[in-house]
Amino acid sequence: MTDCIFCKIARGDIPSRKVYEDEELFAFHDIEPATPVHFMIIPKLHIASLVEVQPEHQALLGRMLGIAARLAREQGLSDGFRSVINTGRIGRQEVYHLHLHILGGPQPLGTMIRK
């Protein structure tokens, strides 16, 4: 998808504060962080939301979750973090490209409410 903002970020067309990149995944800091540490992990393959995931995407989703703990520790979240996937309008998904939020900081997290 050529006009998706997250596809553009993953391609390097839009600058970001990159956390991680490999052939399938890209992770970067949120530009409007809800917590002191807030980054997202996205597949480079455009999948609009979790509702669109097919059986052939299972390994990719597993890789997203598998890399989350390592990246969270590297970002200083060894004492815990929140992982969130917002899905669809009701789930408050703002960008329709599957993304896993990793949120944390030095204190226990309260309720995350985004505008």
PDB file of N, CA and C in Angstrom:
ATOM      1  N   MET A   1       0.853  -1.177   0.000  1.00  0.00           N
ATOM      2  CA  MET A   1       0.000   0.000   0.000  1.00  0.00           C
ATOM      3  C   MET A   1       0.896   1.236   0.000  1.00  0.00           C
ATOM      4  N   THR A   2       0.740   2.095  -0.960  1.00  0.00           N
ATOM      5  CA  THR A   2       1.668   3.207  -1.142  1.00  0.00           C
ATOM      6  C   THR A   2       1.369   4.424  -0.286  1.00  0.00           C
ATOM      7  N   ASP A   3       0.110   4.629   0.131  1.00  0.00           N
ATOM      8  CA  ASP A   3      -0.203   5.830   0.898  1.00  0.00           C
ATOM      9  C   ASP A   3      -0.299   5.597   2.401  1.00  0.00           C
ATOM     10  N   CYS A   4      -0.029   4.418   2.887  1.00  0.00           N
ATOM     11  CA  CYS A   4      -0.067   4.102   4.320  1.00  0.00           C
ATOM     12  C   CYS A   4       1.139   4.740   5.013  1.00  0.00           C
ATOM     13  N   ILE A   5       0.886   5.514   6.062  1.00  0.00           N
ATOM     14  CA  ILE A   5       1.971   6.206   6.755  1.00  0.00           C
ATOM     15  C   ILE A   5       2.972   5.224   7.367  1.00  0.00           C
ATOM     16  N   PHE A   6       2.501   4.102   7.895  1.00  0.00           N
ATOM     17  CA  PHE A   6       3.432   3.138   8.486  1.00  0.00           C
ATOM     18  C   PHE A   6       4.249   2.418   7.419  1.00  0.00           C
ATOM     19  N   CYS A   7       3.668   2.177   6.254  1.00  0.00           N
ATOM     20  CA  CYS A   7       4.446   1.610   5.143  1.00  0.00           C
ATOM     21  C   CYS A   7       5.546   2.583   4.741  1.00  0.00           C
ATOM     22  N   LYS A   8       5.209   3.876   4.695  1.00  0.00           N
ATOM     23  CA  LYS A   8       6.201   4.898   4.350  1.00  0.00           C
ATOM     24  C   LYS A   8       7.311   4.966   5.392  1.00  0.00           C
ATOM     25  N   ILE A   9       6.956   4.837   6.667  1.00  0.00           N
ATOM     26  CA  ILE A   9       7.971   4.837   7.728  1.00  0.00           C
ATOM     27  C   ILE A   9       8.873   3.615   7.581  1.00  0.00           C
ATOM     28  N   ALA A  10       8.290   2.449   7.368  1.00  0.00           N
ATOM     29  CA  ALA A  10       9.079   1.218   7.234  1.00  0.00           C
ATOM     30  C   ALA A  10      10.013   1.272   6.029  1.00  0.00           C
ATOM     31  N   ARG A  11       9.589   1.936   4.949  1.00  0.00           N
ATOM     32  CA  ARG A  11      10.428   2.077   3.757  1.00  0.00           C
ATOM     33  C   ARG A  11      11.501   3.143   3.923  1.00  0.00           C
ATOM     34  N   GLY A  12      11.374   3.990   4.932  1.00  0.00           N
ATOM     35  CA  GLY A  12      12.328   5.078   5.124  1.00  0.00           C
ATOM     36  C   GLY A  12      11.935   6.354   4.419  1.00  0.00           C
ATOM     37  N   ASP A  13      10.730   6.405   3.837  1.00  0.00           N
ATOM     38  CA  ASP A  13      10.256   7.607   3.156  1.00  0.00           C
ATOM     39  C   ASP A  13       9.914   8.720   4.145  1.00  0.00           C
ATOM     40  N   ILE A  14       9.528   8.335   5.351  1.00  0.00           N
ATOM     41  CA  ILE A  14       9.239   9.275   6.434  1.00  0.00           C
ATOM     42  C   ILE A  14      10.205   8.945   7.564  1.00  0.00           C
ATOM     43  N   PRO A  15      10.922   9.943   8.084  1.00  0.00           N
ATOM     44  CA  PRO A  15      11.877   9.657   9.163  1.00  0.00           C
ATOM     45  C   PRO A  15      11.180   9.192  10.444  1.00  0.00           C
ATOM     46  N   SER A  16      11.896   8.378  11.192  1.00  0.00           N
ATOM     47  CA  SER A  16      11.389   7.895  12.480  1.00  0.00           C
ATOM     48  C   SER A  16      12.574   7.647  13.404  1.00  0.00           C
ATOM     49  N   ARG A  17      12.262   7.469  14.669  1.00  0.00           N
ATOM     50  CA  ARG A  17      13.292   7.081  15.641  1.00  0.00           C
ATOM     51  C   ARG A  17      13.262   5.553  15.733  1.00  0.00           C
ATOM     52  N   LYS A  18      14.043   4.939  14.882  1.00  0.00           N
ATOM     53  CA  LYS A  18      14.038   3.480  14.737  1.00  0.00           C
ATOM     54  C   LYS A  18      14.569   2.802  15.994  1.00  0.00           C
ATOM     55  N   VAL A  19      13.883   1.744  16.387  1.00  0.00           N
ATOM     56  CA  VAL A  19      14.284   0.887  17.500  1.00  0.00           C
ATOM     57  C   VAL A  19      14.890  -0.407  16.964  1.00  0.00           C
ATOM     58  N   TYR A  20      14.323  -0.912  15.857  1.00  0.00           N
ATOM     59  CA  TYR A  20      14.733  -2.222  15.341  1.00  0.00           C
ATOM     60  C   TYR A  20      14.249  -2.352  13.901  1.00  0.00           C
ATOM     61  N   GLU A  21      15.003  -3.128  13.129  1.00  0.00           N
ATOM     62  CA  GLU A  21      14.567  -3.461  11.773  1.00  0.00           C
ATOM     63  C   GLU A  21      15.200  -4.769  11.345  1.00  0.00           C
ATOM     64  N   ASP A  22      14.393  -5.602  10.690  1.00  0.00           N
ATOM     65  CA  ASP A  22      14.901  -6.773   9.993  1.00  0.00           C
ATOM     66  C   ASP A  22      14.117  -6.896   8.690  1.00  0.00           C
ATOM     67  N   GLU A  23      14.199  -8.030   8.036  1.00  0.00           N
ATOM     68  CA  GLU A  23      13.554  -8.168   6.731  1.00  0.00           C
ATOM     69  C   GLU A  23      12.022  -8.147   6.809  1.00  0.00           C
ATOM     70  N   GLU A  24      11.439  -8.472   7.977  1.00  0.00           N
ATOM     71  CA  GLU A  24       9.980  -8.547   8.100  1.00  0.00           C
ATOM     72  C   GLU A  24       9.356  -7.513   9.024  1.00  0.00           C
ATOM     73  N   LEU A  25      10.142  -7.002   9.972  1.00  0.00           N
ATOM     74  CA  LEU A  25       9.598  -6.138  11.015  1.00  0.00           C
ATOM     75  C   LEU A  25      10.325  -4.809  11.099  1.00  0.00           C
ATOM     76  N   PHE A  26       9.631  -3.816  11.606  1.00  0.00           N
ATOM     77  CA  PHE A  26      10.204  -2.496  11.846  1.00  0.00           C
ATOM     78  C   PHE A  26       9.622  -1.998  13.157  1.00  0.00           C
ATOM     79  N   ALA A  27      10.463  -1.460  14.026  1.00  0.00           N
ATOM     80  CA  ALA A  27      10.002  -0.909  15.303  1.00  0.00           C
ATOM     81  C   ALA A  27      10.515   0.516  15.429  1.00  0.00           C
ATOM     82  N   PHE A  28       9.657   1.400  15.940  1.00  0.00           N
ATOM     83  CA  PHE A  28      10.019   2.811  16.058  1.00  0.00           C
ATOM     84  C   PHE A  28       9.240   3.459  17.198  1.00  0.00           C
ATOM     85  N   HIS A  29       9.790   4.550  17.719  1.00  0.00           N
ATOM     86  CA  HIS A  29       9.158   5.282  18.810  1.00  0.00           C
ATOM     87  C   HIS A  29       7.925   6.030  18.307  1.00  0.00           C
ATOM     88  N   ASP A  30       6.885   6.036  19.132  1.00  0.00           N
ATOM     89  CA  ASP A  30       5.662   6.772  18.827  1.00  0.00           C
ATOM     90  C   ASP A  30       5.951   8.274  18.884  1.00  0.00           C
ATOM     91  N   ILE A  31       5.402   9.038  17.939  1.00  0.00           N
ATOM     92  CA  ILE A  31       5.659  10.486  17.934  1.00  0.00           C
ATOM     93  C   ILE A  31       4.823  11.221  18.983  1.00  0.00           C
ATOM     94  N   GLU A  32       3.785  10.569  19.519  1.00  0.00           N
ATOM     95  CA  GLU A  32       2.980  11.115  20.608  1.00  0.00           C
ATOM     96  C   GLU A  32       2.935  10.080  21.731  1.00  0.00           C
ATOM     97  N   PRO A  33       4.057   9.909  22.448  1.00  0.00           N
ATOM     98  CA  PRO A  33       4.116   8.829  23.442  1.00  0.00           C
ATOM     99  C   PRO A  33       3.104   9.003  24.577  1.00  0.00           C
ATOM    100  N   ALA A  34       2.464   7.906  24.940  1.00  0.00           N
ATOM    101  CA  ALA A  34       1.503   7.893  26.041  1.00  0.00           C
ATOM    102  C   ALA A  34       2.182   7.582  27.371  1.00  0.00           C
ATOM    103  N   THR A  35       3.411   7.085  27.314  1.00  0.00           N
ATOM    104  CA  THR A  35       4.203   6.741  28.494  1.00  0.00           C
ATOM    105  C   THR A  35       5.658   7.133  28.219  1.00  0.00           C
ATOM    106  N   PRO A  36       6.511   7.141  29.257  1.00  0.00           N
ATOM    107  CA  PRO A  36       7.906   7.518  29.014  1.00  0.00           C
ATOM    108  C   PRO A  36       8.603   6.698  27.934  1.00  0.00           C
ATOM    109  N   VAL A  37       8.287   5.413  27.849  1.00  0.00           N
ATOM    110  CA  VAL A  37       8.793   4.573  26.753  1.00  0.00           C
ATOM    111  C   VAL A  37       7.571   4.086  25.982  1.00  0.00           C
ATOM    112  N   HIS A  38       7.516   4.412  24.703  1.00  0.00           N
ATOM    113  CA  HIS A  38       6.374   4.020  23.877  1.00  0.00           C
ATOM    114  C   HIS A  38       6.869   3.838  22.449  1.00  0.00           C
ATOM    115  N   PHE A  39       6.951   2.582  22.039  1.00  0.00           N
ATOM    116  CA  PHE A  39       7.334   2.299  20.662  1.00  0.00           C
ATOM    117  C   PHE A  39       6.369   1.289  20.078  1.00  0.00           C
ATOM    118  N   MET A  40       6.432   1.138  18.761  1.00  0.00           N
ATOM    119  CA  MET A  40       5.549   0.224  18.056  1.00  0.00           C
ATOM    120  C   MET A  40       6.353  -0.737  17.207  1.00  0.00           C
ATOM    121  N   ILE A  41       5.844  -1.934  17.093  1.00  0.00           N
ATOM    122  CA  ILE A  41       6.419  -2.947  16.214  1.00  0.00           C
ATOM    123  C   ILE A  41       5.392  -3.191  15.111  1.00  0.00           C
ATOM    124  N   ILE A  42       5.848  -3.065  13.861  1.00  0.00           N
ATOM    125  CA  ILE A  42       4.944  -3.273  12.726  1.00  0.00           C
ATOM    126  C   ILE A  42       5.547  -4.294  11.766  1.00  0.00           C
ATOM    127  N   PRO A  43       4.677  -5.027  11.075  1.00  0.00           N
ATOM    128  CA  PRO A  43       5.196  -5.849   9.981  1.00  0.00           C
ATOM    129  C   PRO A  43       5.446  -4.939   8.778  1.00  0.00           C
ATOM    130  N   LYS A  44       6.455  -5.237   7.997  1.00  0.00           N
ATOM    131  CA  LYS A  44       6.677  -4.479   6.762  1.00  0.00           C
ATOM    132  C   LYS A  44       5.584  -4.793   5.737  1.00  0.00           C
ATOM    133  N   LEU A  45       5.051  -5.985   5.810  1.00  0.00           N
ATOM    134  CA  LEU A  45       3.915  -6.371   4.973  1.00  0.00           C
ATOM    135  C   LEU A  45       2.698  -5.582   5.448  1.00  0.00           C
ATOM    136  N   HIS A  46       1.999  -4.938   4.536  1.00  0.00           N
ATOM    137  CA  HIS A  46       0.815  -4.175   4.928  1.00  0.00           C
ATOM    138  C   HIS A  46      -0.332  -5.122   5.250  1.00  0.00           C
ATOM    139  N   ILE A  47      -0.705  -5.142   6.516  1.00  0.00           N
ATOM    140  CA  ILE A  47      -1.902  -5.832   6.999  1.00  0.00           C
ATOM    141  C   ILE A  47      -2.670  -4.751   7.737  1.00  0.00           C
ATOM    142  N   ALA A  48      -3.893  -4.483   7.336  1.00  0.00           N
ATOM    143  CA  ALA A  48      -4.617  -3.327   7.865  1.00  0.00           C
ATOM    144  C   ALA A  48      -4.884  -3.409   9.365  1.00  0.00           C
ATOM    145  N   SER A  49      -5.254  -4.582   9.859  1.00  0.00           N
ATOM    146  CA  SER A  49      -5.550  -4.716  11.288  1.00  0.00           C
ATOM    147  C   SER A  49      -5.516  -6.187  11.681  1.00  0.00           C
ATOM    148  N   LEU A  50      -5.668  -6.440  12.956  1.00  0.00           N
ATOM    149  CA  LEU A  50      -5.669  -7.819  13.444  1.00  0.00           C
ATOM    150  C   LEU A  50      -6.824  -8.614  12.834  1.00  0.00           C
ATOM    151  N   VAL A  51      -7.916  -7.953  12.501  1.00  0.00           N
ATOM    152  CA  VAL A  51      -9.060  -8.615  11.863  1.00  0.00           C
ATOM    153  C   VAL A  51      -8.682  -9.193  10.503  1.00  0.00           C
ATOM    154  N   GLU A  52      -7.705  -8.599   9.848  1.00  0.00           N
ATOM    155  CA  GLU A  52      -7.287  -9.022   8.509  1.00  0.00           C
ATOM    156  C   GLU A  52      -6.256 -10.158   8.515  1.00  0.00           C
ATOM    157  N   VAL A  53      -5.773 -10.527   9.680  1.00  0.00           N
ATOM    158  CA  VAL A  53      -4.748 -11.567   9.783  1.00  0.00           C
ATOM    159  C   VAL A  53      -5.304 -12.904   9.283  1.00  0.00           C
ATOM    160  N   GLN A  54      -4.487 -13.588   8.494  1.00  0.00           N
ATOM    161  CA  GLN A  54      -4.835 -14.891   7.934  1.00  0.00           C
ATOM    162  C   GLN A  54      -3.909 -15.959   8.533  1.00  0.00           C
ATOM    163  N   PRO A  55      -4.242 -17.229   8.366  1.00  0.00           N
ATOM    164  CA  PRO A  55      -3.384 -18.282   8.902  1.00  0.00           C
ATOM    165  C   PRO A  55      -1.919 -18.164   8.457  1.00  0.00           C
ATOM    166  N   GLU A  56      -1.694 -17.693   7.237  1.00  0.00           N
ATOM    167  CA  GLU A  56      -0.308 -17.575   6.759  1.00  0.00           C
ATOM    168  C   GLU A  56       0.474 -16.464   7.469  1.00  0.00           C
ATOM    169  N   HIS A  57      -0.192 -15.641   8.269  1.00  0.00           N
ATOM    170  CA  HIS A  57       0.480 -14.571   9.013  1.00  0.00           C
ATOM    171  C   HIS A  57       0.872 -14.979  10.439  1.00  0.00           C
ATOM    172  N   GLN A  58       0.544 -16.199  10.840  1.00  0.00           N
ATOM    173  CA  GLN A  58       0.799 -16.624  12.216  1.00  0.00           C
ATOM    174  C   GLN A  58       2.269 -16.513  12.613  1.00  0.00           C
ATOM    175  N   ALA A  59       3.153 -16.932  11.766  1.00  0.00           N
ATOM    176  CA  ALA A  59       4.583 -16.860  12.092  1.00  0.00           C
ATOM    177  C   ALA A  59       5.027 -15.405  12.242  1.00  0.00           C
ATOM    178  N   LEU A  60       4.512 -14.526  11.409  1.00  0.00           N
ATOM    179  CA  LEU A  60       4.845 -13.107  11.496  1.00  0.00           C
ATOM    180  C   LEU A  60       4.378 -12.519  12.824  1.00  0.00           C
ATOM    181  N   LEU A  61       3.150 -12.848  13.228  1.00  0.00           N
ATOM    182  CA  LEU A  61       2.650 -12.374  14.524  1.00  0.00           C
ATOM    183  C   LEU A  61       3.489 -12.932  15.669  1.00  0.00           C
ATOM    184  N   GLY A  62       3.878 -14.170  15.551  1.00  0.00           N
ATOM    185  CA  GLY A  62       4.752 -14.766  16.560  1.00  0.00           C
ATOM    186  C   GLY A  62       6.085 -14.050  16.654  1.00  0.00           C
ATOM    187  N   ARG A  63       6.628 -13.651  15.533  1.00  0.00           N
ATOM    188  CA  ARG A  63       7.894 -12.901  15.523  1.00  0.00           C
ATOM    189  C   ARG A  63       7.717 -11.540  16.183  1.00  0.00           C
ATOM    190  N   MET A  64       6.563 -10.888  15.919  1.00  0.00           N
ATOM    191  CA  MET A  64       6.297  -9.580  16.552  1.00  0.00           C
ATOM    192  C   MET A  64       6.302  -9.715  18.070  1.00  0.00           C
ATOM    193  N   LEU A  65       5.599 -10.704  18.567  1.00  0.00           N
ATOM    194  CA  LEU A  65       5.561 -10.908  20.015  1.00  0.00           C
ATOM    195  C   LEU A  65       6.907 -11.382  20.545  1.00  0.00           C
ATOM    196  N   GLY A  66       7.569 -12.209  19.781  1.00  0.00           N
ATOM    197  CA  GLY A  66       8.860 -12.736  20.208  1.00  0.00           C
ATOM    198  C   GLY A  66       9.927 -11.674  20.347  1.00  0.00           C
ATOM    199  N   ILE A  67       9.914 -10.661  19.496  1.00  0.00           N
ATOM    200  CA  ILE A  67      10.915  -9.599  19.563  1.00  0.00           C
ATOM    201  C   ILE A  67      10.530  -8.532  20.587  1.00  0.00           C
ATOM    202  N   ALA A  68       9.266  -8.474  20.971  1.00  0.00           N
ATOM    203  CA  ALA A  68       8.777  -7.427  21.879  1.00  0.00           C
ATOM    204  C   ALA A  68       9.529  -7.418  23.211  1.00  0.00           C
ATOM    205  N   ALA A  69       9.700  -8.571  23.822  1.00  0.00           N
ATOM    206  CA  ALA A  69      10.367  -8.613  25.134  1.00  0.00           C
ATOM    207  C   ALA A  69      11.815  -8.151  25.037  1.00  0.00           C
ATOM    208  N   ARG A  70      12.525  -8.587  24.014  1.00  0.00           N
ATOM    209  CA  ARG A  70      13.920  -8.169  23.853  1.00  0.00           C
ATOM    210  C   ARG A  70      14.031  -6.664  23.661  1.00  0.00           C
ATOM    211  N   LEU A  71      13.208  -6.115  22.784  1.00  0.00           N
ATOM    212  CA  LEU A  71      13.255  -4.677  22.538  1.00  0.00           C
ATOM    213  C   LEU A  71      12.841  -3.890  23.776  1.00  0.00           C
ATOM    214  N   ALA A  72      11.833  -4.380  24.498  1.00  0.00           N
ATOM    215  CA  ALA A  72      11.404  -3.705  25.731  1.00  0.00           C
ATOM    216  C   ALA A  72      12.554  -3.661  26.741  1.00  0.00           C
ATOM    217  N   ARG A  73      13.246  -4.769  26.916  1.00  0.00           N
ATOM    218  CA  ARG A  73      14.406  -4.783  27.842  1.00  0.00           C
ATOM    219  C   ARG A  73      15.467  -3.795  27.374  1.00  0.00           C
ATOM    220  N   GLU A  74      15.741  -3.771  26.079  1.00  0.00           N
ATOM    221  CA  GLU A  74      16.747  -2.856  25.538  1.00  0.00           C
ATOM    222  C   GLU A  74      16.356  -1.393  25.744  1.00  0.00           C
ATOM    223  N   GLN A  75      15.051  -1.126  25.846  1.00  0.00           N
ATOM    224  CA  GLN A  75      14.563   0.239  26.065  1.00  0.00           C
ATOM    225  C   GLN A  75      14.377   0.547  27.556  1.00  0.00           C
ATOM    226  N   GLY A  76      14.868  -0.348  28.423  1.00  0.00           N
ATOM    227  CA  GLY A  76      14.837  -0.106  29.863  1.00  0.00           C
ATOM    228  C   GLY A  76      13.597  -0.609  30.577  1.00  0.00           C
ATOM    229  N   LEU A  77      12.817  -1.463  29.939  1.00  0.00           N
ATOM    230  CA  LEU A  77      11.569  -1.945  30.534  1.00  0.00           C
ATOM    231  C   LEU A  77      11.697  -3.351  31.092  1.00  0.00           C
ATOM    232  N   SER A  78      12.781  -3.645  31.781  1.00  0.00           N
ATOM    233  CA  SER A  78      12.995  -5.004  32.296  1.00  0.00           C
ATOM    234  C   SER A  78      12.050  -5.354  33.443  1.00  0.00           C
ATOM    235  N   ASP A  79      11.408  -4.347  34.056  1.00  0.00           N
ATOM    236  CA  ASP A  79      10.493  -4.606  35.175  1.00  0.00           C
ATOM    237  C   ASP A  79       9.043  -4.748  34.718  1.00  0.00           C
ATOM    238  N   GLY A  80       8.810  -4.704  33.425  1.00  0.00           N
ATOM    239  CA  GLY A  80       7.464  -4.904  32.901  1.00  0.00           C
ATOM    240  C   GLY A  80       7.044  -3.817  31.931  1.00  0.00           C
ATOM    241  N   PHE A  81       6.008  -4.106  31.197  1.00  0.00           N
ATOM    242  CA  PHE A  81       5.493  -3.188  30.182  1.00  0.00           C
ATOM    243  C   PHE A  81       4.102  -3.638  29.780  1.00  0.00           C
ATOM    244  N   ARG A  82       3.431  -2.788  29.026  1.00  0.00           N
ATOM    245  CA  ARG A  82       2.121  -3.129  28.479  1.00  0.00           C
ATOM    246  C   ARG A  82       2.282  -3.313  26.975  1.00  0.00           C
ATOM    247  N   SER A  83       1.618  -4.318  26.428  1.00  0.00           N
ATOM    248  CA  SER A  83       1.591  -4.508  24.978  1.00  0.00           C
ATOM    249  C   SER A  83       0.135  -4.410  24.537  1.00  0.00           C
ATOM    250  N   VAL A  84      -0.109  -3.601  23.495  1.00  0.00           N
ATOM    251  CA  VAL A  84      -1.473  -3.303  23.071  1.00  0.00           C
ATOM    252  C   VAL A  84      -1.560  -3.355  21.545  1.00  0.00           C
ATOM    253  N   ILE A  85      -2.607  -4.018  21.051  1.00  0.00           N
ATOM    254  CA  ILE A  85      -2.943  -3.957  19.629  1.00  0.00           C
ATOM    255  C   ILE A  85      -4.368  -3.426  19.543  1.00  0.00           C
ATOM    256  N   ASN A  86      -4.523  -2.190  19.094  1.00  0.00           N
ATOM    257  CA  ASN A  86      -5.846  -1.618  18.878  1.00  0.00           C
ATOM    258  C   ASN A  86      -6.348  -2.125  17.529  1.00  0.00           C
ATOM    259  N   THR A  87      -7.616  -2.540  17.497  1.00  0.00           N
ATOM    260  CA  THR A  87      -8.143  -3.140  16.276  1.00  0.00           C
ATOM    261  C   THR A  87      -9.462  -2.493  15.882  1.00  0.00           C
ATOM    262  N   GLY A  88      -9.478  -1.893  14.713  1.00  0.00           N
ATOM    263  CA  GLY A  88     -10.699  -1.314  14.156  1.00  0.00           C
ATOM    264  C   GLY A  88     -11.174  -0.065  14.879  1.00  0.00           C
ATOM    265  N   ARG A  89     -12.265   0.480  14.387  1.00  0.00           N
ATOM    266  CA  ARG A  89     -12.827   1.715  14.925  1.00  0.00           C
ATOM    267  C   ARG A  89     -13.192   1.570  16.395  1.00  0.00           C
ATOM    268  N   ILE A  90     -13.884   0.503  16.748  1.00  0.00           N
ATOM    269  CA  ILE A  90     -14.303   0.278  18.128  1.00  0.00           C
ATOM    270  C   ILE A  90     -13.086   0.118  19.045  1.00  0.00           C
ATOM    271  N   GLY A  91     -12.026  -0.497  18.516  1.00  0.00           N
ATOM    272  CA  GLY A  91     -10.796  -0.686  19.289  1.00  0.00           C
ATOM    273  C   GLY A  91      -9.876   0.522  19.285  1.00  0.00           C
ATOM    274  N   ARG A  92     -10.340   1.632  18.703  1.00  0.00           N
ATOM    275  CA  ARG A  92      -9.595   2.898  18.648  1.00  0.00           C
ATOM    276  C   ARG A  92      -8.311   2.823  17.826  1.00  0.00           C
ATOM    277  N   GLN A  93      -8.326   2.001  16.781  1.00  0.00           N
ATOM    278  CA  GLN A  93      -7.183   1.955  15.880  1.00  0.00           C
ATOM    279  C   GLN A  93      -7.158   3.242  15.073  1.00  0.00           C
ATOM    280  N   GLU A  94      -6.033   3.947  15.092  1.00  0.00           N
ATOM    281  CA  GLU A  94      -5.919   5.219  14.384  1.00  0.00           C
ATOM    282  C   GLU A  94      -5.250   5.074  13.025  1.00  0.00           C
ATOM    283  N   VAL A  95      -4.255   4.208  12.920  1.00  0.00           N
ATOM    284  CA  VAL A  95      -3.565   3.962  11.659  1.00  0.00           C
ATOM    285  C   VAL A  95      -3.880   2.527  11.249  1.00  0.00           C
ATOM    286  N   TYR A  96      -4.430   2.366  10.058  1.00  0.00           N
ATOM    287  CA  TYR A  96      -4.838   1.041   9.607  1.00  0.00           C
ATOM    288  C   TYR A  96      -3.689   0.291   8.941  1.00  0.00           C
ATOM    289  N   HIS A  97      -2.726  -0.020   9.785  1.00  0.00           N
ATOM    290  CA  HIS A  97      -1.600  -0.914   9.496  1.00  0.00           C
ATOM    291  C   HIS A  97      -1.347  -1.589  10.838  1.00  0.00           C
ATOM    292  N   LEU A  98      -1.414  -2.899  10.877  1.00  0.00           N
ATOM    293  CA  LEU A  98      -1.242  -3.644  12.118  1.00  0.00           C
ATOM    294  C   LEU A  98      -0.021  -3.144  12.877  1.00  0.00           C
ATOM    295  N   HIS A  99      -0.180  -2.842  14.168  1.00  0.00           N
ATOM    296  CA  HIS A  99       0.944  -2.404  14.981  1.00  0.00           C
ATOM    297  C   HIS A  99       0.740  -2.796  16.435  1.00  0.00           C
ATOM    298  N   LEU A 100       1.842  -3.174  17.048  1.00  0.00           N
ATOM    299  CA  LEU A 100       1.874  -3.582  18.445  1.00  0.00           C
ATOM    300  C   LEU A 100       2.550  -2.470  19.237  1.00  0.00           C
ATOM    301  N   HIS A 101       1.787  -1.825  20.131  1.00  0.00           N
ATOM    302  CA  HIS A 101       2.352  -0.802  21.004  1.00  0.00           C
ATOM    303  C   HIS A 101       3.047  -1.474  22.181  1.00  0.00           C
ATOM    304  N   ILE A 102       4.230  -0.995  22.537  1.00  0.00           N
ATOM    305  CA  ILE A 102       4.933  -1.394  23.751  1.00  0.00           C
ATOM    306  C   ILE A 102       5.053  -0.128  24.594  1.00  0.00           C
ATOM    307  N   LEU A 103       4.475  -0.167  25.794  1.00  0.00           N
ATOM    308  CA  LEU A 103       4.407   1.009  26.653  1.00  0.00           C
ATOM    309  C   LEU A 103       4.954   0.693  28.036  1.00  0.00           C
ATOM    310  N   GLY A 104       5.707   1.622  28.593  1.00  0.00           N
ATOM    311  CA  GLY A 104       6.207   1.415  29.941  1.00  0.00           C
ATOM    312  C   GLY A 104       6.960   2.616  30.452  1.00  0.00           C
ATOM    313  N   GLY A 105       7.456   2.464  31.631  1.00  0.00           N
ATOM    314  CA  GLY A 105       8.204   3.527  32.281  1.00  0.00           C
ATOM    315  C   GLY A 105       8.565   3.105  33.689  1.00  0.00           C
ATOM    316  N   PRO A 106       9.066   4.039  34.466  1.00  0.00           N
ATOM    317  CA  PRO A 106       9.558   3.684  35.802  1.00  0.00           C
ATOM    318  C   PRO A 106       8.465   3.388  36.823  1.00  0.00           C
ATOM    319  N   GLN A 107       7.233   3.821  36.580  1.00  0.00           N
ATOM    320  CA  GLN A 107       6.140   3.617  37.523  1.00  0.00           C
ATOM    321  C   GLN A 107       5.087   2.696  36.908  1.00  0.00           C
ATOM    322  N   PRO A 108       4.264   2.029  37.757  1.00  0.00           N
ATOM    323  CA  PRO A 108       3.168   1.219  37.215  1.00  0.00           C
ATOM    324  C   PRO A 108       2.261   2.063  36.323  1.00  0.00           C
ATOM    325  N   LEU A 109       1.769   1.443  35.278  1.00  0.00           N
ATOM    326  CA  LEU A 109       0.946   2.153  34.296  1.00  0.00           C
ATOM    327  C   LEU A 109      -0.491   2.268  34.765  1.00  0.00           C
ATOM    328  N   GLY A 110      -1.082   3.425  34.525  1.00  0.00           N
ATOM    329  CA  GLY A 110      -2.510   3.621  34.747  1.00  0.00           C
ATOM    330  C   GLY A 110      -3.244   3.248  33.482  1.00  0.00           C
ATOM    331  N   THR A 111      -4.429   3.736  33.343  1.00  0.00           N
ATOM    332  CA  THR A 111      -5.229   3.484  32.152  1.00  0.00           C
ATOM    333  C   THR A 111      -4.704   4.339  31.005  1.00  0.00           C
ATOM    334  N   MET A 112      -4.494   3.726  29.858  1.00  0.00           N
ATOM    335  CA  MET A 112      -4.046   4.467  28.689  1.00  0.00           C
ATOM    336  C   MET A 112      -5.265   4.899  27.894  1.00  0.00           C
ATOM    337  N   ILE A 113      -5.484   6.194  27.813  1.00  0.00           N
ATOM    338  CA  ILE A 113      -6.579   6.731  27.015  1.00  0.00           C
ATOM    339  C   ILE A 113      -5.976   7.695  26.016  1.00  0.00           C
ATOM    340  N   ARG A 114      -6.208   7.455  24.747  1.00  0.00           N
ATOM    341  CA  ARG A 114      -5.709   8.333  23.696  1.00  0.00           C
ATOM    342  C   ARG A 114      -6.841   9.182  23.185  1.00  0.00           C
ATOM    343  N   LYS A 115      -6.491  10.344  22.727  1.00  0.00           N
ATOM    344  CA  LYS A 115      -7.497  11.276  22.176  1.00  0.00           C
ATOM    345  C   LYS A 115      -8.130  10.719  20.941  1.00  0.00           C
TER     346      LYS A 115
END
